[in-house]
Amino acid sequence: MSSARVWTWCRRSVLAGICASLPFGGPANAQTYPSAPVRIIVPFAPGGTADILARMVGKKLGDKFGQTFYIENRTGANGAVGTEVVARAKPDGYTLLMGYLGTLAISPALYDNLPFDPIRDLAPITNVAMTTQAIVARKTLPAKTVGELIALARSGQTLTFGSAGVGSPSHLAGELFNAMAQIKMIHVPYKGSGAVLHDLMGGHVDISFGGLAAAMPAVQAGQLRLLGVTSAKPSPGAPDTPTVAQAGLTGYEVTSWFGLLAPAGTPKPIIDLLHDEVVKIANEPEFKEKLAVDGAEVIANTPQEFQDQIKADMTKWAKVVKDNGIAAK
């Protein structure tokens, strides 16, 4: 190749590199994003915490960017169906996921054939918020505190705890409680948290591990007794109720989190843009107040912190699953 042709080729290569770095181009460019509607996949039915959070965030993002952020509920397989949709979507920022602890950190320990890998296939944006679980007892149970519950179980009395199903966060919360308290309450699985509360009020099970917000109406009506919350610190939904750790089971902590993720490979400028905007939204006083009503708290961490949290919870719950011989049904 002649020196003139080499010079022409080099000049074109340099120009191509410069052009590729300029702030214009397709929809994957953060400076033009979003230039079309964005869908947020919620892998659960409408009305739950994930759905409510997604709609709150989506509405605010739509107002900010002047584009529609619409919610698509894709249910099935404990959230795996909707999560797979996002994991396989084009990584351009136009398909997002409102992810959940159970699907992203517990299911990998329960199922060998998940159609996605939470770490490999998804890019964390921010963990929006977390909710605490609560230990709630039938009103006739002769235990009014977590300490009294443990003492009752150690006395030899057979106790049962209800959960929303085998492998659910409420089930694993109970098994972790059993292990740390060195007791053995019998697990009674149900098909959903509503059925658990119904039987708990009827006296058919002794206690349950489940969402605080769902249990509070019955607690306030005197139909159930709230023994403790499973978060590291008291919940705004029940500020006078001690945590399980405060009640004597040091180190016990179970929370359910809900975070925004994108397909792996989504350009970092778009991840960063969405992160910055969602963190601003989550820290608005009005947003925090709405969450507090349901006993939820804002997290709004960085993508790396969210990634680390997912990994840590995968390790934590894999151990609980293994140590207790839990198998998905």
C-alpha atoms as a PDB file:
ATOM      1  CA  MET A   1       0.000   0.000   0.000  1.00  0.00           C
ATOM      2  CA  SER A   2       1.392   3.411  -0.976  1.00  0.00           C
ATOM      3  CA  SER A   3       2.089   6.053   1.658  1.00  0.00           C
ATOM      4  CA  ALA A   4      -0.742   8.211   0.243  1.00  0.00           C
ATOM      5  CA  ARG A   5      -3.242   5.372   0.526  1.00  0.00           C
ATOM      6  CA  VAL A   6      -2.017   4.583   4.055  1.00  0.00           C
ATOM      7  CA  TRP A   7      -2.522   8.242   5.000  1.00  0.00           C
ATOM      8  CA  THR A   8      -6.048   8.259   3.524  1.00  0.00           C
ATOM      9  CA  TRP A   9      -6.954   5.056   5.376  1.00  0.00           C
ATOM     10  CA  CYS A  10      -5.592   6.410   8.676  1.00  0.00           C
ATOM     11  CA  ARG A  11      -7.418   9.711   8.237  1.00  0.00           C
ATOM     12  CA  ARG A  12     -10.702   7.905   7.611  1.00  0.00           C
ATOM     13  CA  SER A  13     -10.138   5.672  10.632  1.00  0.00           C
ATOM     14  CA  VAL A  14      -9.471   8.659  12.881  1.00  0.00           C
ATOM     15  CA  LEU A  15     -12.539  10.476  11.557  1.00  0.00           C
ATOM     16  CA  ALA A  16     -14.652   7.371  12.083  1.00  0.00           C
ATOM     17  CA  GLY A  17     -13.466   7.154  15.671  1.00  0.00           C
ATOM     18  CA  ILE A  18     -14.244  10.792  16.289  1.00  0.00           C
ATOM     19  CA  CYS A  19     -17.716  10.478  14.745  1.00  0.00           C
ATOM     20  CA  ALA A  20     -18.494   7.412  16.816  1.00  0.00           C
ATOM     21  CA  SER A  21     -17.798   9.399  19.956  1.00  0.00           C
ATOM     22  CA  LEU A  22     -19.969  12.369  19.038  1.00  0.00           C
ATOM     23  CA  PRO A  23     -23.286  12.902  20.931  1.00  0.00           C
ATOM     24  CA  PHE A  24     -25.677  11.841  18.188  1.00  0.00           C
ATOM     25  CA  GLY A  25     -26.960   8.586  16.839  1.00  0.00           C
ATOM     26  CA  GLY A  26     -29.600   5.946  17.584  1.00  0.00           C
ATOM     27  CA  PRO A  27     -31.810   5.398  20.611  1.00  0.00           C
ATOM     28  CA  ALA A  28     -28.981   3.879  22.679  1.00  0.00           C
ATOM     29  CA  ASN A  29     -27.428   7.322  23.041  1.00  0.00           C
ATOM     30  CA  ALA A  30     -28.096   8.881  26.442  1.00  0.00           C
ATOM     31  CA  GLN A  31     -28.399  12.381  24.983  1.00  0.00           C
ATOM     32  CA  THR A  32     -31.347  11.387  22.795  1.00  0.00           C
ATOM     33  CA  TYR A  33     -32.806   8.830  25.222  1.00  0.00           C
ATOM     34  CA  PRO A  34     -35.680   8.241  25.461  1.00  0.00           C
ATOM     35  CA  SER A  35     -36.931   8.989  21.961  1.00  0.00           C
ATOM     36  CA  ALA A  36     -39.742   6.405  22.127  1.00  0.00           C
ATOM     37  CA  PRO A  37     -42.010   4.860  24.802  1.00  0.00           C
ATOM     38  CA  VAL A  38     -40.305   2.741  27.463  1.00  0.00           C
ATOM     39  CA  ARG A  39     -41.899  -0.324  29.001  1.00  0.00           C
ATOM     40  CA  ILE A  40     -41.315  -1.386  32.578  1.00  0.00           C
ATOM     41  CA  ILE A  41     -41.993  -5.085  33.031  1.00  0.00           C
ATOM     42  CA  VAL A  42     -43.566  -6.030  36.358  1.00  0.00           C
ATOM     43  CA  PRO A  43     -43.383  -9.829  36.701  1.00  0.00           C
ATOM     44  CA  PHE A  44     -46.382  -9.931  39.033  1.00  0.00           C
ATOM     45  CA  ALA A  45     -50.072  -9.101  38.935  1.00  0.00           C
ATOM     46  CA  PRO A  46     -51.297  -5.499  39.286  1.00  0.00           C
ATOM     47  CA  GLY A  47     -51.799  -4.128  42.775  1.00  0.00           C
ATOM     48  CA  GLY A  48     -48.755  -5.520  44.561  1.00  0.00           C
ATOM     49  CA  THR A  49     -45.777  -3.574  45.842  1.00  0.00           C
ATOM     50  CA  ALA A  50     -43.708  -4.116  42.678  1.00  0.00           C
ATOM     51  CA  ASP A  51     -46.573  -2.885  40.515  1.00  0.00           C
ATOM     52  CA  ILE A  52     -47.277   0.157  42.685  1.00  0.00           C
ATOM     53  CA  LEU A  53     -43.604   1.152  42.749  1.00  0.00           C
ATOM     54  CA  ALA A  54     -43.233   0.708  38.994  1.00  0.00           C
ATOM     55  CA  ARG A  55     -46.252   2.921  38.320  1.00  0.00           C
ATOM     56  CA  MET A  56     -45.028   5.617  40.691  1.00  0.00           C
ATOM     57  CA  VAL A  57     -41.555   5.628  39.149  1.00  0.00           C
ATOM     58  CA  GLY A  58     -42.857   5.326  35.594  1.00  0.00           C
ATOM     59  CA  LYS A  59     -45.205   8.279  35.982  1.00  0.00           C
ATOM     60  CA  LYS A  60     -42.406  10.490  37.312  1.00  0.00           C
ATOM     61  CA  LEU A  61     -39.956   9.411  34.598  1.00  0.00           C
ATOM     62  CA  GLY A  62     -42.576  10.105  31.953  1.00  0.00           C
ATOM     63  CA  ASP A  63     -43.103  13.588  33.322  1.00  0.00           C
ATOM     64  CA  LYS A  64     -39.349  14.196  33.371  1.00  0.00           C
ATOM     65  CA  PHE A  65     -38.555  12.990  29.865  1.00  0.00           C
ATOM     66  CA  GLY A  66     -41.788  13.754  28.055  1.00  0.00           C
ATOM     67  CA  GLN A  67     -42.116  10.120  26.978  1.00  0.00           C
ATOM     68  CA  THR A  68     -44.448   7.352  28.101  1.00  0.00           C
ATOM     69  CA  PHE A  69     -43.049   4.843  30.605  1.00  0.00           C
ATOM     70  CA  TYR A  70     -45.777   2.215  30.573  1.00  0.00           C
ATOM     71  CA  ILE A  71     -46.221  -0.790  32.845  1.00  0.00           C
ATOM     72  CA  GLU A  72     -46.560  -4.290  31.432  1.00  0.00           C
ATOM     73  CA  ASN A  73     -47.546  -7.029  33.894  1.00  0.00           C
ATOM     74  CA  ARG A  74     -46.057 -10.357  32.764  1.00  0.00           C
ATOM     75  CA  THR A  75     -46.876 -12.894  35.458  1.00  0.00           C
ATOM     76  CA  GLY A  76     -45.899 -16.507  35.985  1.00  0.00           C
ATOM     77  CA  ALA A  77     -43.380 -18.834  37.639  1.00  0.00           C
ATOM     78  CA  ASN A  78     -42.804 -16.635  40.688  1.00  0.00           C
ATOM     79  CA  GLY A  79     -41.693 -13.738  38.521  1.00  0.00           C
ATOM     80  CA  ALA A  80     -39.447 -15.740  36.191  1.00  0.00           C
ATOM     81  CA  VAL A  81     -41.628 -15.234  33.100  1.00  0.00           C
ATOM     82  CA  GLY A  82     -41.491 -11.444  33.180  1.00  0.00           C
ATOM     83  CA  THR A  83     -37.863 -11.391  34.255  1.00  0.00           C
ATOM     84  CA  GLU A  84     -36.862 -13.545  31.285  1.00  0.00           C
ATOM     85  CA  VAL A  85     -38.602 -11.085  28.942  1.00  0.00           C
ATOM     86  CA  VAL A  86     -36.254  -8.352  30.157  1.00  0.00           C
ATOM     87  CA  ALA A  87     -33.178 -10.598  30.215  1.00  0.00           C
ATOM     88  CA  ARG A  88     -33.731 -11.412  26.528  1.00  0.00           C
ATOM     89  CA  ALA A  89     -34.755  -7.892  25.439  1.00  0.00           C
ATOM     90  CA  LYS A  90     -32.622  -5.610  23.299  1.00  0.00           C
ATOM     91  CA  PRO A  91     -30.217  -3.731  25.618  1.00  0.00           C
ATOM     92  CA  ASP A  92     -31.211  -0.250  24.506  1.00  0.00           C
ATOM     93  CA  GLY A  93     -32.950   1.135  27.589  1.00  0.00           C
ATOM     94  CA  TYR A  94     -36.466   0.665  26.234  1.00  0.00           C
ATOM     95  CA  THR A  95     -37.292  -2.439  28.288  1.00  0.00           C
ATOM     96  CA  LEU A  96     -36.795  -2.280  32.061  1.00  0.00           C
ATOM     97  CA  LEU A  97     -37.642  -4.576  34.971  1.00  0.00           C
ATOM     98  CA  MET A  98     -39.008  -3.898  38.430  1.00  0.00           C
ATOM     99  CA  GLY A  99     -37.170  -6.801  40.031  1.00  0.00           C
ATOM    100  CA  TYR A 100     -37.866  -8.542  43.316  1.00  0.00           C
ATOM    101  CA  LEU A 101     -35.808 -10.304  45.982  1.00  0.00           C
ATOM    102  CA  GLY A 102     -37.674 -13.599  45.589  1.00  0.00           C
ATOM    103  CA  THR A 103     -37.120 -13.870  41.857  1.00  0.00           C
ATOM    104  CA  LEU A 104     -33.569 -12.557  41.668  1.00  0.00           C
ATOM    105  CA  ALA A 105     -31.988 -13.859  44.887  1.00  0.00           C
ATOM    106  CA  ILE A 106     -34.059 -16.821  46.127  1.00  0.00           C
ATOM    107  CA  SER A 107     -35.259 -18.546  42.948  1.00  0.00           C
ATOM    108  CA  PRO A 108     -31.674 -19.236  41.740  1.00  0.00           C
ATOM    109  CA  ALA A 109     -31.194 -21.413  44.826  1.00  0.00           C
ATOM    110  CA  LEU A 110     -34.467 -23.267  44.281  1.00  0.00           C
ATOM    111  CA  TYR A 111     -34.485 -23.879  40.534  1.00  0.00           C
ATOM    112  CA  ASP A 112     -31.715 -25.363  38.419  1.00  0.00           C
ATOM    113  CA  ASN A 113     -33.355 -24.426  35.129  1.00  0.00           C
ATOM    114  CA  LEU A 114     -34.078 -20.728  35.491  1.00  0.00           C
ATOM    115  CA  PRO A 115     -34.134 -19.180  31.996  1.00  0.00           C
ATOM    116  CA  PHE A 116     -31.912 -16.303  33.114  1.00  0.00           C
ATOM    117  CA  ASP A 117     -28.957 -15.540  35.350  1.00  0.00           C
ATOM    118  CA  PRO A 118     -29.599 -12.459  37.539  1.00  0.00           C
ATOM    119  CA  ILE A 119     -25.945 -11.421  37.455  1.00  0.00           C
ATOM    120  CA  ARG A 120     -25.062 -12.274  33.865  1.00  0.00           C
ATOM    121  CA  ASP A 121     -28.280 -11.222  32.116  1.00  0.00           C
ATOM    122  CA  LEU A 122     -29.381  -8.087  33.959  1.00  0.00           C
ATOM    123  CA  ALA A 123     -27.851  -4.683  34.636  1.00  0.00           C
ATOM    124  CA  PRO A 124     -28.825  -3.122  37.991  1.00  0.00           C
ATOM    125  CA  ILE A 125     -29.930   0.518  37.960  1.00  0.00           C
ATOM    126  CA  THR A 126     -30.986   1.098  41.563  1.00  0.00           C
ATOM    127  CA  ASN A 127     -32.738  -0.734  44.358  1.00  0.00           C
ATOM    128  CA  VAL A 128     -35.757   1.528  44.743  1.00  0.00           C
ATOM    129  CA  ALA A 129     -37.226   0.443  48.073  1.00  0.00           C
ATOM    130  CA  MET A 130     -37.561  -2.312  50.610  1.00  0.00           C
ATOM    131  CA  THR A 131     -40.357  -3.597  52.808  1.00  0.00           C
ATOM    132  CA  THR A 132     -40.106  -5.450  56.071  1.00  0.00           C
ATOM    133  CA  GLN A 133     -41.841  -8.647  56.978  1.00  0.00           C
ATOM    134  CA  ALA A 134     -43.627  -9.102  60.258  1.00  0.00           C
ATOM    135  CA  ILE A 135     -44.068 -11.946  62.708  1.00  0.00           C
ATOM    136  CA  VAL A 136     -47.790 -11.999  63.416  1.00  0.00           C
ATOM    137  CA  ALA A 137     -49.526 -14.395  65.827  1.00  0.00           C
ATOM    138  CA  ARG A 138     -53.073 -15.608  66.345  1.00  0.00           C
ATOM    139  CA  LYS A 139     -54.575 -13.542  69.120  1.00  0.00           C
ATOM    140  CA  THR A 140     -54.923 -16.535  71.483  1.00  0.00           C
ATOM    141  CA  LEU A 141     -51.279 -17.594  71.275  1.00  0.00           C
ATOM    142  CA  PRO A 142     -49.717 -17.398  74.765  1.00  0.00           C
ATOM    143  CA  ALA A 143     -46.782 -15.319  73.522  1.00  0.00           C
ATOM    144  CA  LYS A 144     -46.799 -11.547  73.243  1.00  0.00           C
ATOM    145  CA  THR A 145     -43.165 -10.977  72.229  1.00  0.00           C
ATOM    146  CA  VAL A 146     -40.563 -12.642  70.052  1.00  0.00           C
ATOM    147  CA  GLY A 147     -38.701 -13.738  73.184  1.00  0.00           C
ATOM    148  CA  GLU A 148     -41.842 -15.391  74.563  1.00  0.00           C
ATOM    149  CA  LEU A 149     -42.422 -17.100  71.205  1.00  0.00           C
ATOM    150  CA  ILE A 150     -38.942 -18.613  71.257  1.00  0.00           C
ATOM    151  CA  ALA A 151     -39.362 -19.699  74.872  1.00  0.00           C
ATOM    152  CA  LEU A 152     -42.714 -21.298  74.029  1.00  0.00           C
ATOM    153  CA  ALA A 153     -41.169 -23.241  71.134  1.00  0.00           C
ATOM    154  CA  ARG A 154     -38.269 -24.388  73.311  1.00  0.00           C
ATOM    155  CA  SER A 155     -40.674 -25.582  76.000  1.00  0.00           C
ATOM    156  CA  GLY A 156     -41.736 -28.402  73.743  1.00  0.00           C
ATOM    157  CA  GLN A 157     -45.026 -27.006  72.484  1.00  0.00           C
ATOM    158  CA  THR A 158     -45.661 -27.701  68.816  1.00  0.00           C
ATOM    159  CA  LEU A 159     -45.957 -24.460  66.871  1.00  0.00           C
ATOM    160  CA  THR A 160     -46.787 -23.849  63.227  1.00  0.00           C
ATOM    161  CA  PHE A 161     -45.955 -20.974  60.919  1.00  0.00           C
ATOM    162  CA  GLY A 162     -47.711 -20.140  57.685  1.00  0.00           C
ATOM    163  CA  SER A 163     -46.101 -18.723  54.561  1.00  0.00           C
ATOM    164  CA  ALA A 164     -47.089 -17.701  51.041  1.00  0.00           C
ATOM    165  CA  GLY A 165     -45.623 -20.947  49.675  1.00  0.00           C
ATOM    166  CA  VAL A 166     -42.581 -23.200  49.583  1.00  0.00           C
ATOM    167  CA  GLY A 167     -39.506 -21.160  48.722  1.00  0.00           C
ATOM    168  CA  SER A 168     -41.237 -17.809  49.199  1.00  0.00           C
ATOM    169  CA  PRO A 169     -39.465 -15.082  51.182  1.00  0.00           C
ATOM    170  CA  SER A 170     -41.941 -15.613  54.019  1.00  0.00           C
ATOM    171  CA  HIS A 171     -41.097 -19.334  54.112  1.00  0.00           C
ATOM    172  CA  LEU A 172     -37.356 -18.717  54.178  1.00  0.00           C
ATOM    173  CA  ALA A 173     -37.797 -16.015  56.825  1.00  0.00           C
ATOM    174  CA  GLY A 174     -39.389 -18.653  59.040  1.00  0.00           C
ATOM    175  CA  GLU A 175     -36.693 -21.234  58.364  1.00  0.00           C
ATOM    176  CA  LEU A 176     -33.965 -18.689  59.126  1.00  0.00           C
ATOM    177  CA  PHE A 177     -35.783 -17.830  62.361  1.00  0.00           C
ATOM    178  CA  ASN A 178     -35.933 -21.536  63.249  1.00  0.00           C
ATOM    179  CA  ALA A 179     -32.213 -21.971  62.620  1.00  0.00           C
ATOM    180  CA  MET A 180     -31.051 -18.890  64.490  1.00  0.00           C
ATOM    181  CA  ALA A 181     -33.384 -19.449  67.459  1.00  0.00           C
ATOM    182  CA  GLN A 182     -32.558 -23.185  67.503  1.00  0.00           C
ATOM    183  CA  ILE A 183     -36.210 -24.184  67.449  1.00  0.00           C
ATOM    184  CA  LYS A 184     -38.370 -26.145  65.004  1.00  0.00           C
ATOM    185  CA  MET A 185     -41.722 -24.622  64.161  1.00  0.00           C
ATOM    186  CA  ILE A 186     -43.606 -26.592  61.510  1.00  0.00           C
ATOM    187  CA  HIS A 187     -44.014 -24.905  58.144  1.00  0.00           C
ATOM    188  CA  VAL A 188     -47.514 -24.741  56.635  1.00  0.00           C
ATOM    189  CA  PRO A 189     -47.399 -23.455  53.025  1.00  0.00           C
ATOM    190  CA  TYR A 190     -50.315 -21.602  51.458  1.00  0.00           C
ATOM    191  CA  LYS A 191     -51.043 -20.270  47.982  1.00  0.00           C
ATOM    192  CA  GLY A 192     -50.551 -16.618  48.748  1.00  0.00           C
ATOM    193  CA  SER A 193     -50.373 -14.322  51.748  1.00  0.00           C
ATOM    194  CA  GLY A 194     -54.107 -13.640  51.854  1.00  0.00           C
ATOM    195  CA  ALA A 195     -54.861 -17.284  52.623  1.00  0.00           C
ATOM    196  CA  VAL A 196     -52.256 -17.274  55.398  1.00  0.00           C
ATOM    197  CA  LEU A 197     -53.858 -14.311  57.172  1.00  0.00           C
ATOM    198  CA  HIS A 198     -57.317 -15.844  56.820  1.00  0.00           C
ATOM    199  CA  ASP A 199     -56.244 -19.060  58.543  1.00  0.00           C
ATOM    200  CA  LEU A 200     -54.192 -17.171  61.102  1.00  0.00           C
ATOM    201  CA  MET A 201     -57.245 -15.181  62.147  1.00  0.00           C
ATOM    202  CA  GLY A 202     -59.161 -18.445  62.290  1.00  0.00           C
ATOM    203  CA  GLY A 203     -56.585 -19.943  64.631  1.00  0.00           C
ATOM    204  CA  HIS A 204     -55.523 -22.702  62.210  1.00  0.00           C
ATOM    205  CA  VAL A 205     -51.843 -21.719  62.358  1.00  0.00           C
ATOM    206  CA  ASP A 206     -49.937 -20.097  65.188  1.00  0.00           C
ATOM    207  CA  ILE A 207     -47.859 -17.409  63.491  1.00  0.00           C
ATOM    208  CA  SER A 208     -46.954 -16.144  60.050  1.00  0.00           C
ATOM    209  CA  PHE A 209     -44.063 -14.384  58.377  1.00  0.00           C
ATOM    210  CA  GLY A 210     -45.385 -11.963  55.781  1.00  0.00           C
ATOM    211  CA  GLY A 211     -45.727  -8.396  54.658  1.00  0.00           C
ATOM    212  CA  LEU A 212     -46.286  -5.874  57.426  1.00  0.00           C
ATOM    213  CA  ALA A 213     -48.695  -3.715  55.433  1.00  0.00           C
ATOM    214  CA  ALA A 214     -50.973  -6.650  54.634  1.00  0.00           C
ATOM    215  CA  ALA A 215     -51.199  -7.685  58.291  1.00  0.00           C
ATOM    216  CA  MET A 216     -51.680  -4.262  59.892  1.00  0.00           C
ATOM    217  CA  PRO A 217     -55.464  -3.915  59.356  1.00  0.00           C
ATOM    218  CA  ALA A 218     -56.062  -7.166  61.251  1.00  0.00           C
ATOM    219  CA  VAL A 219     -53.538  -6.184  63.922  1.00  0.00           C
ATOM    220  CA  GLN A 220     -55.189  -2.803  64.413  1.00  0.00           C
ATOM    221  CA  ALA A 221     -58.602  -4.483  64.609  1.00  0.00           C
ATOM    222  CA  GLY A 222     -57.361  -6.758  67.401  1.00  0.00           C
ATOM    223  CA  GLN A 223     -57.722  -9.896  65.285  1.00  0.00           C
ATOM    224  CA  LEU A 224     -53.992 -10.639  65.233  1.00  0.00           C
ATOM    225  CA  ARG A 225     -50.998  -9.819  67.419  1.00  0.00           C
ATOM    226  CA  LEU A 226     -47.839  -8.217  66.006  1.00  0.00           C
ATOM    227  CA  LEU A 227     -44.756  -9.672  67.715  1.00  0.00           C
ATOM    228  CA  GLY A 228     -41.920  -8.099  65.759  1.00  0.00           C
ATOM    229  CA  VAL A 229     -40.624  -6.863  62.422  1.00  0.00           C
ATOM    230  CA  THR A 230     -37.819  -8.516  60.493  1.00  0.00           C
ATOM    231  CA  SER A 231     -35.931  -5.429  59.296  1.00  0.00           C
ATOM    232  CA  ALA A 232     -32.684  -4.212  60.842  1.00  0.00           C
ATOM    233  CA  LYS A 233     -34.425  -1.204  62.368  1.00  0.00           C
ATOM    234  CA  PRO A 234     -38.044  -0.457  63.359  1.00  0.00           C
ATOM    235  CA  SER A 235     -40.384   0.073  60.446  1.00  0.00           C
ATOM    236  CA  PRO A 236     -42.208   3.375  59.855  1.00  0.00           C
ATOM    237  CA  GLY A 237     -45.323   1.253  59.424  1.00  0.00           C
ATOM    238  CA  ALA A 238     -45.082   0.083  63.057  1.00  0.00           C
ATOM    239  CA  PRO A 239     -42.522   2.338  64.762  1.00  0.00           C
ATOM    240  CA  ASP A 240     -43.234   1.065  68.284  1.00  0.00           C
ATOM    241  CA  THR A 241     -42.739  -2.612  67.394  1.00  0.00           C
ATOM    242  CA  PRO A 242     -39.247  -3.979  68.082  1.00  0.00           C
ATOM    243  CA  THR A 243     -37.219  -5.775  65.463  1.00  0.00           C
ATOM    244  CA  VAL A 244     -36.488  -9.474  65.865  1.00  0.00           C
ATOM    245  CA  ALA A 245     -32.836  -8.582  66.453  1.00  0.00           C
ATOM    246  CA  GLN A 246     -33.775  -6.100  69.186  1.00  0.00           C
ATOM    247  CA  ALA A 247     -35.928  -8.783  70.782  1.00  0.00           C
ATOM    248  CA  GLY A 248     -32.901 -10.999  71.261  1.00  0.00           C
ATOM    249  CA  LEU A 249     -32.175 -12.786  67.981  1.00  0.00           C
ATOM    250  CA  THR A 250     -29.065 -10.770  67.137  1.00  0.00           C
ATOM    251  CA  GLY A 251     -28.214 -10.605  63.454  1.00  0.00           C
ATOM    252  CA  TYR A 252     -31.621 -11.668  62.188  1.00  0.00           C
ATOM    253  CA  GLU A 253     -32.747  -9.552  59.253  1.00  0.00           C
ATOM    254  CA  VAL A 254     -35.158 -10.228  56.393  1.00  0.00           C
ATOM    255  CA  THR A 255     -36.404  -7.572  54.004  1.00  0.00           C
ATOM    256  CA  SER A 256     -37.997  -7.736  50.585  1.00  0.00           C
ATOM    257  CA  TRP A 257     -36.570  -5.311  48.057  1.00  0.00           C
ATOM    258  CA  PHE A 258     -37.774  -4.018  44.710  1.00  0.00           C
ATOM    259  CA  GLY A 259     -35.291  -2.587  42.236  1.00  0.00           C
ATOM    260  CA  LEU A 260     -35.055  -1.332  38.682  1.00  0.00           C
ATOM    261  CA  LEU A 261     -32.897  -3.254  36.211  1.00  0.00           C
ATOM    262  CA  ALA A 262     -32.203  -3.327  32.473  1.00  0.00           C
ATOM    263  CA  PRO A 263     -30.927  -6.037  30.130  1.00  0.00           C
ATOM    264  CA  ALA A 264     -27.194  -6.669  30.440  1.00  0.00           C
ATOM    265  CA  GLY A 265     -25.268  -4.672  27.871  1.00  0.00           C
ATOM    266  CA  THR A 266     -27.438  -1.568  28.151  1.00  0.00           C
ATOM    267  CA  PRO A 267     -25.075   1.394  27.592  1.00  0.00           C
ATOM    268  CA  LYS A 268     -23.649   2.801  30.795  1.00  0.00           C
ATOM    269  CA  PRO A 269     -24.715   6.397  29.984  1.00  0.00           C
ATOM    270  CA  ILE A 270     -28.342   5.234  29.889  1.00  0.00           C
ATOM    271  CA  ILE A 271     -27.955   3.238  33.112  1.00  0.00           C
ATOM    272  CA  ASP A 272     -26.413   6.284  34.779  1.00  0.00           C
ATOM    273  CA  LEU A 273     -29.124   8.612  33.468  1.00  0.00           C
ATOM    274  CA  LEU A 274     -31.920   6.367  34.722  1.00  0.00           C
ATOM    275  CA  HIS A 275     -30.145   5.853  38.043  1.00  0.00           C
ATOM    276  CA  ASP A 276     -29.755   9.569  38.671  1.00  0.00           C
ATOM    277  CA  GLU A 277     -33.381  10.339  37.829  1.00  0.00           C
ATOM    278  CA  VAL A 278     -34.887   7.440  39.807  1.00  0.00           C
ATOM    279  CA  VAL A 279     -32.787   8.321  42.866  1.00  0.00           C
ATOM    280  CA  LYS A 280     -34.092  11.895  42.679  1.00  0.00           C
ATOM    281  CA  ILE A 281     -37.662  10.603  42.395  1.00  0.00           C
ATOM    282  CA  ALA A 282     -37.280   8.138  45.266  1.00  0.00           C
ATOM    283  CA  ASN A 283     -35.937  10.818  47.574  1.00  0.00           C
ATOM    284  CA  GLU A 284     -38.793  13.245  46.987  1.00  0.00           C
ATOM    285  CA  PRO A 285     -40.703  13.755  50.277  1.00  0.00           C
ATOM    286  CA  GLU A 286     -44.030  12.876  48.636  1.00  0.00           C
ATOM    287  CA  PHE A 287     -42.621   9.601  47.305  1.00  0.00           C
ATOM    288  CA  LYS A 288     -41.191   8.640  50.702  1.00  0.00           C
ATOM    289  CA  GLU A 289     -44.455   9.478  52.450  1.00  0.00           C
ATOM    290  CA  LYS A 290     -46.463   7.261  50.107  1.00  0.00           C
ATOM    291  CA  LEU A 291     -44.099   4.363  50.745  1.00  0.00           C
ATOM    292  CA  ALA A 292     -44.169   4.860  54.512  1.00  0.00           C
ATOM    293  CA  VAL A 293     -47.926   4.298  54.538  1.00  0.00           C
ATOM    294  CA  ASP A 294     -47.257   0.715  53.426  1.00  0.00           C
ATOM    295  CA  GLY A 295     -44.261   0.256  55.692  1.00  0.00           C
ATOM    296  CA  ALA A 296     -41.755   0.621  52.859  1.00  0.00           C
ATOM    297  CA  GLU A 297     -38.509   2.571  52.874  1.00  0.00           C
ATOM    298  CA  VAL A 298     -36.439   4.105  50.096  1.00  0.00           C
ATOM    299  CA  ILE A 299     -33.036   2.568  49.354  1.00  0.00           C
ATOM    300  CA  ALA A 300     -32.019   4.285  46.082  1.00  0.00           C
ATOM    301  CA  ASN A 301     -28.464   2.926  45.980  1.00  0.00           C
ATOM    302  CA  THR A 302     -25.903   2.855  43.174  1.00  0.00           C
ATOM    303  CA  PRO A 303     -25.842   0.201  40.420  1.00  0.00           C
ATOM    304  CA  GLN A 304     -22.772  -1.389  42.001  1.00  0.00           C
ATOM    305  CA  GLU A 305     -24.321  -1.398  45.472  1.00  0.00           C
ATOM    306  CA  PHE A 306     -27.452  -2.998  44.054  1.00  0.00           C
ATOM    307  CA  GLN A 307     -25.348  -5.624  42.268  1.00  0.00           C
ATOM    308  CA  ASP A 308     -23.486  -6.382  45.494  1.00  0.00           C
ATOM    309  CA  GLN A 309     -26.784  -6.646  47.357  1.00  0.00           C
ATOM    310  CA  ILE A 310     -28.185  -9.151  44.867  1.00  0.00           C
ATOM    311  CA  LYS A 311     -25.030 -11.268  45.124  1.00  0.00           C
ATOM    312  CA  ALA A 312     -25.031 -11.150  48.928  1.00  0.00           C
ATOM    313  CA  ASP A 313     -28.685 -12.166  49.132  1.00  0.00           C
ATOM    314  CA  MET A 314     -28.158 -14.977  46.627  1.00  0.00           C
ATOM    315  CA  THR A 315     -25.436 -16.353  48.899  1.00  0.00           C
ATOM    316  CA  LYS A 316     -27.493 -15.829  52.065  1.00  0.00           C
ATOM    317  CA  TRP A 317     -30.625 -17.554  50.828  1.00  0.00           C
ATOM    318  CA  ALA A 318     -28.778 -20.351  49.017  1.00  0.00           C
ATOM    319  CA  LYS A 319     -27.365 -21.341  52.406  1.00  0.00           C
ATOM    320  CA  VAL A 320     -30.816 -21.281  54.028  1.00  0.00           C
ATOM    321  CA  VAL A 321     -32.231 -23.408  51.200  1.00  0.00           C
ATOM    322  CA  LYS A 322     -29.365 -25.913  51.407  1.00  0.00           C
ATOM    323  CA  ASP A 323     -29.195 -26.128  55.203  1.00  0.00           C
ATOM    324  CA  ASN A 324     -32.945 -26.767  55.472  1.00  0.00           C
ATOM    325  CA  GLY A 325     -33.273 -29.111  52.505  1.00  0.00           C
ATOM    326  CA  ILE A 326     -35.869 -26.870  50.861  1.00  0.00           C
ATOM    327  CA  ALA A 327     -37.011 -28.012  47.433  1.00  0.00           C
ATOM    328  CA  ALA A 328     -39.324 -26.166  45.069  1.00  0.00           C
ATOM    329  CA  LYS A 329     -42.688 -27.816  44.455  1.00  0.00           C
END
